[in-house]
Protein backbone atom coordinates (compact mmCIF):
# COMPACT_ATOMS: atom_id res chain seq x y z
CA MET A 1 0.12 0.12 0.01
CA PHE A 2 2.79 2.39 0.92
CA ASN A 3 4.64 1.92 -2.30
CA LEU A 4 1.25 2.18 -4.18
CA LEU A 5 1.16 5.59 -2.69
CA ILE A 6 4.67 6.74 -3.47
CA LEU A 7 3.92 5.68 -7.18
CA LEU A 8 0.97 7.64 -7.45
CA LEU A 9 2.54 10.69 -5.68
CA LEU A 10 5.32 10.64 -8.37
CA THR A 11 3.17 9.90 -11.05
CA GLY A 12 1.07 13.25 -10.04
CA ILE A 13 4.10 15.11 -9.78
CA THR A 14 5.49 13.95 -13.27
CA ALA A 15 1.86 14.70 -14.86
CA THR A 16 1.80 18.10 -13.49
CA VAL A 17 5.29 19.15 -14.98
CA GLN A 18 4.59 17.76 -18.18
CA ALA A 19 1.11 19.47 -18.73
CA ALA A 20 2.88 22.70 -18.19
CA ASP A 21 4.97 23.37 -21.37
CA ILE A 22 8.15 25.41 -21.23
CA GLN A 23 6.54 28.65 -22.24
CA THR A 24 3.88 28.55 -19.62
CA ILE A 25 6.72 27.62 -17.13
CA LEU A 26 8.74 30.79 -18.38
CA LYS A 27 5.72 33.04 -18.30
CA GLN A 28 4.93 32.26 -14.81
CA ALA A 29 8.63 32.68 -13.90
CA ASP A 30 8.58 36.04 -15.85
CA ASN A 31 5.73 37.06 -13.79
CA TYR A 32 7.82 36.88 -10.40
CA ARG A 33 10.26 39.55 -12.05
CA LEU A 34 8.00 41.65 -14.19
CA PRO A 35 4.40 41.51 -13.44
CA GLN A 36 3.34 44.33 -15.82
CA ASP A 37 4.14 45.27 -19.32
CA THR A 38 4.60 48.56 -19.01
CA VAL A 39 6.49 49.84 -15.93
CA GLN A 40 9.34 51.91 -14.33
CA VAL A 41 11.77 49.85 -12.02
CA GLU A 42 14.07 51.72 -9.60
CA THR A 43 17.32 49.42 -9.74
CA SER A 44 20.43 49.51 -7.83
CA VAL A 45 23.67 47.60 -8.62
CA ALA A 46 26.13 46.96 -5.90
CA LEU A 47 29.51 45.39 -6.14
CA TYR A 48 31.13 43.36 -3.18
CA LYS A 49 34.54 42.41 -2.55
CA LYS A 50 35.20 39.76 0.40
CA GLY A 51 32.05 40.47 1.67
CA LYS A 52 32.56 44.60 1.94
CA LEU A 53 30.32 46.77 -0.34
CA ASP A 54 32.93 48.12 -2.88
CA LYS A 55 30.51 50.49 -5.22
CA GLU A 56 26.79 50.85 -5.83
CA ARG A 57 25.25 52.56 -8.85
CA GLN A 58 21.21 53.78 -9.31
CA TYR A 59 19.31 53.25 -12.31
CA SER A 60 15.72 53.99 -13.53
CA VAL A 61 14.57 51.57 -16.05
CA TYR A 62 11.53 52.26 -18.48
CA ILE A 63 10.07 48.88 -20.02
CA LYS A 64 7.28 48.74 -22.77
CA PRO A 65 6.21 45.82 -24.55
CA GLY A 66 7.92 44.87 -27.77
CA ARG A 67 11.55 44.71 -26.26
CA ARG A 68 11.72 48.27 -25.62
CA SER A 69 13.61 49.42 -22.51
CA LEU A 70 15.47 52.82 -21.39
CA VAL A 71 18.03 52.80 -18.87
CA ILE A 72 18.75 56.42 -16.95
CA PHE A 73 22.01 56.52 -15.28
CA ASN A 74 21.18 58.31 -11.73
CA SER A 75 24.42 57.94 -9.86
CA ALA A 76 26.57 61.46 -9.69
CA VAL A 77 29.69 59.67 -11.59
CA GLU A 78 27.70 58.32 -14.38
CA ARG A 79 24.75 61.03 -14.42
CA GLY A 80 23.67 61.88 -18.00
CA GLN A 81 24.19 58.49 -19.61
CA LYS A 82 21.47 56.43 -20.78
CA VAL A 83 21.14 53.01 -22.69
CA LEU A 84 18.37 52.19 -25.07
CA MET A 85 17.17 48.99 -26.07
CA LEU A 86 15.01 48.55 -29.28
CA ASP A 87 14.27 45.11 -30.08
CA ASP A 88 17.63 43.33 -30.60
CA LYS A 89 19.61 46.89 -30.79
CA PHE A 90 21.30 48.28 -27.91
CA TRP A 91 22.85 52.15 -27.86
CA MET A 92 24.75 53.94 -25.35
CA ILE A 93 23.93 57.90 -25.16
CA MET A 94 26.73 59.77 -23.49
CA PRO A 95 26.42 63.46 -22.13
CA LYS A 96 27.51 65.86 -24.76
CA SER A 97 28.01 63.32 -27.45
CA ARG A 98 26.33 64.15 -30.83
CA ARG A 99 25.73 60.38 -31.98
CA PRO A 100 24.41 57.34 -30.07
CA ILE A 101 26.94 54.51 -29.72
CA ARG A 102 26.26 50.98 -30.45
CA ILE A 103 26.91 48.54 -28.07
CA THR A 104 25.98 44.95 -27.09
CA PRO A 105 23.92 43.89 -24.17
CA MET A 106 27.07 42.33 -22.58
CA GLN A 107 28.66 45.93 -21.94
CA LYS A 108 29.61 46.15 -18.29
CA LEU A 109 27.63 48.34 -16.02
CA LEU A 110 29.35 47.47 -12.69
CA GLY A 111 30.91 44.22 -11.34
CA GLU A 112 29.40 41.38 -13.22
CA ALA A 113 26.11 43.51 -14.00
CA SER A 114 25.68 43.86 -17.94
CA THR A 115 23.37 46.49 -19.50
CA GLY A 116 21.37 43.35 -20.69
CA ASP A 117 20.91 42.28 -17.14
CA ILE A 118 18.93 45.43 -16.21
CA ALA A 119 17.33 46.27 -19.46
CA THR A 120 15.78 42.92 -20.00
CA MET A 121 13.51 41.16 -17.26
CA THR A 122 11.85 38.34 -19.05
CA TRP A 123 12.68 35.11 -20.67
CA SER A 124 9.50 33.81 -22.57
CA GLU A 125 10.11 36.35 -25.55
CA ASP A 126 13.70 35.47 -25.89
CA TYR A 127 14.36 31.80 -25.13
CA ASP A 128 12.72 28.22 -25.75
CA GLY A 129 13.86 25.01 -24.39
CA LYS A 130 12.94 21.63 -22.56
CA ILE A 131 12.69 20.49 -18.92
CA SER A 132 15.73 18.66 -18.44
CA LYS A 133 15.48 17.23 -14.74
CA LYS A 134 14.46 17.60 -11.40
CA VAL A 135 17.17 18.85 -8.68
CA VAL A 136 17.29 20.55 -5.16
CA ILE A 137 18.67 23.87 -5.05
CA ASN A 138 19.24 25.46 -1.48
CA GLN A 139 16.65 22.89 -0.34
CA ILE A 140 14.17 23.98 -2.87
CA PRO A 141 12.89 21.11 -5.25
CA CYS A 142 13.33 22.72 -8.75
CA LEU A 143 12.88 21.89 -12.22
CA LYS A 144 16.04 22.42 -14.55
CA LEU A 145 15.30 24.14 -17.71
CA ASP A 146 17.68 23.96 -20.72
CA LEU A 147 17.02 27.13 -22.51
CA HIS A 148 18.37 28.31 -25.73
CA SER A 149 18.19 31.85 -27.33
CA ILE A 150 15.61 32.24 -30.20
CA ARG A 151 16.83 35.90 -30.98
CA LYS A 152 20.11 37.70 -32.00
CA GLY A 153 19.94 40.40 -29.31
CA THR A 154 19.72 38.35 -26.11
CA THR A 155 22.52 38.67 -23.46
CA TYR A 156 23.03 35.12 -23.21
CA ALA A 157 23.06 32.32 -25.73
CA ARG A 158 22.15 29.47 -23.20
CA ILE A 159 20.76 29.55 -19.61
CA GLU A 160 20.25 26.76 -17.22
CA LEU A 161 17.17 28.06 -15.09
CA TYR A 162 16.29 26.48 -12.06
CA VAL A 163 12.57 27.31 -11.00
CA ALA A 164 10.68 26.22 -8.14
CA GLN A 165 8.85 22.77 -8.70
CA ASP A 166 5.71 24.25 -6.72
CA GLY A 167 4.78 27.73 -8.52
CA PHE A 168 7.77 28.09 -10.89
CA TRP A 169 9.26 30.95 -9.23
CA PRO A 170 12.98 31.31 -10.42
CA VAL A 171 15.64 30.09 -7.98
CA ALA A 172 19.23 30.20 -9.68
CA ALA A 173 20.73 30.25 -13.06
CA ASN A 174 23.77 29.57 -15.11
CA LEU A 175 24.42 31.97 -17.63
CA TYR A 176 26.49 31.16 -20.97
CA VAL A 177 27.76 33.30 -23.85
CA ALA A 178 27.77 32.50 -27.43
CA SER A 179 31.37 30.85 -27.05
CA GLY A 180 29.77 28.11 -24.83
CA LYS A 181 31.58 29.53 -21.70
CA LEU A 182 29.70 29.80 -18.35
CA ALA A 183 29.69 33.60 -17.97
CA LYS A 184 28.27 33.83 -14.44
CA ARG A 185 26.00 32.20 -11.98
CA ALA A 186 22.46 33.96 -10.70
CA TYR A 187 20.64 33.64 -7.64
CA PHE A 188 17.11 35.26 -6.89
CA SER A 189 15.66 36.65 -3.78
CA LEU A 190 11.94 36.51 -3.17
CA ASP A 191 10.20 39.58 -1.56
CA ASP A 192 8.54 38.29 1.82
CA VAL A 193 5.41 40.62 1.44
CA ASN A 194 4.55 40.48 -2.10
CA GLY A 195 6.33 37.34 -3.53
CA ARG A 196 8.26 38.98 -6.40
CA VAL A 197 11.97 38.50 -7.32
CA SER A 198 13.42 41.60 -5.04
CA ALA A 199 17.20 41.04 -6.09
CA MET A 200 19.56 38.78 -8.45
CA THR A 201 23.02 38.09 -7.16
CA LEU A 202 25.64 37.39 -9.69
CA PHE A 203 28.68 35.38 -9.15
CA ASP A 204 31.99 35.44 -11.41
CA LYS A 205 32.80 31.78 -11.47
CA ILE A 206 37.01 32.88 -11.58
CA GLN A 207 36.56 35.41 -8.99
CA ARG A 208 34.95 33.86 -6.21
CA GLN A 209 35.44 36.57 -3.71
CA ARG A 210 33.39 39.22 -5.71
CA LYS A 211 29.61 39.23 -6.03
CA THR A 212 27.31 41.83 -7.89
CA VAL A 213 23.79 42.23 -6.33
CA ILE A 214 21.05 43.98 -8.62
CA ARG A 215 17.99 44.87 -6.57
CA TYR A 216 14.75 46.15 -7.67
CA LEU A 217 13.94 48.91 -5.21
CA SER A 218 10.37 49.63 -6.63
CA MET A 219 8.22 48.99 -9.58
CA THR A 220 5.53 51.44 -10.66
CA ALA A 221 3.21 51.16 -13.69
CA ARG A 222 4.14 54.15 -15.68
CA GLU A 223 4.36 54.71 -19.42
CA ILE A 224 6.34 57.20 -20.86
CA PRO A 225 6.03 58.59 -24.50
CA ASP A 226 7.24 56.56 -27.47
CA LYS A 227 9.56 59.22 -28.58
CA PHE A 228 12.03 58.72 -25.65
CA TYR A 229 12.52 55.29 -27.42
CA ASN A 230 14.39 57.02 -30.30
CA PRO A 231 18.07 56.86 -29.99
CA MET A 232 18.44 60.35 -31.86
CA TYR A 233 15.72 61.86 -29.93
CA LEU A 234 17.75 61.22 -26.69
CA VAL A 235 20.80 62.49 -28.04
CA ARG A 236 19.12 65.86 -29.02
CA ASN A 237 17.42 66.01 -25.80
CA PRO A 238 20.18 65.03 -23.25
CA VAL A 239 17.63 66.18 -20.06
CA LEU A 240 14.82 63.89 -19.62
CA VAL A 241 12.09 64.73 -16.78
CA LYS A 242 11.88 61.55 -14.61
């Protein structure tokens, strides 16, 4: 009887997992990071060395549907800089510059954090893949998802994403670049109050004494005009009203 009960439980878990296709799982995981399509996210990026805070920067990120993001640099040492993402293209706009500068999503901001790490907060639009296996991460039963990029402008070519078996919230990820090299490892923290992802901690696989923490300080439903999602407009209008 006991063996039969165990078999039924395992069968039920397997059936539940198989019933949820990969895109359904990714969309649920996305909702823990970005519950709204049009939003302003106040973000901080902090670099720690040997457990001590080394540097910290502040950003305002304006996200719209269709892979559109505008990142405003707020810290004094970077003020006036902006990053614009339109579909698969990224531009850096520098103060007093006459032309936008094309960059890649791997352009470093601080520590292990790149422009793509804060400009994009979803997986379902950019990746596809399969459920690989069940594992336990930090005592949390997880599904391991093997994901590959389905578009050109993604930050990572391949991701091993671990989501909680119960609820599909993101727990951890291994992030790979186009060469196949493991670039960094990420761990996600959930807010105790609203249950959303409140931080993403990035670890360099070589410099193990360093970590970069991206914190999502606030998230507000806000839409800014489409004209701001134009690189030449940003060059001609360097001062934007927040």
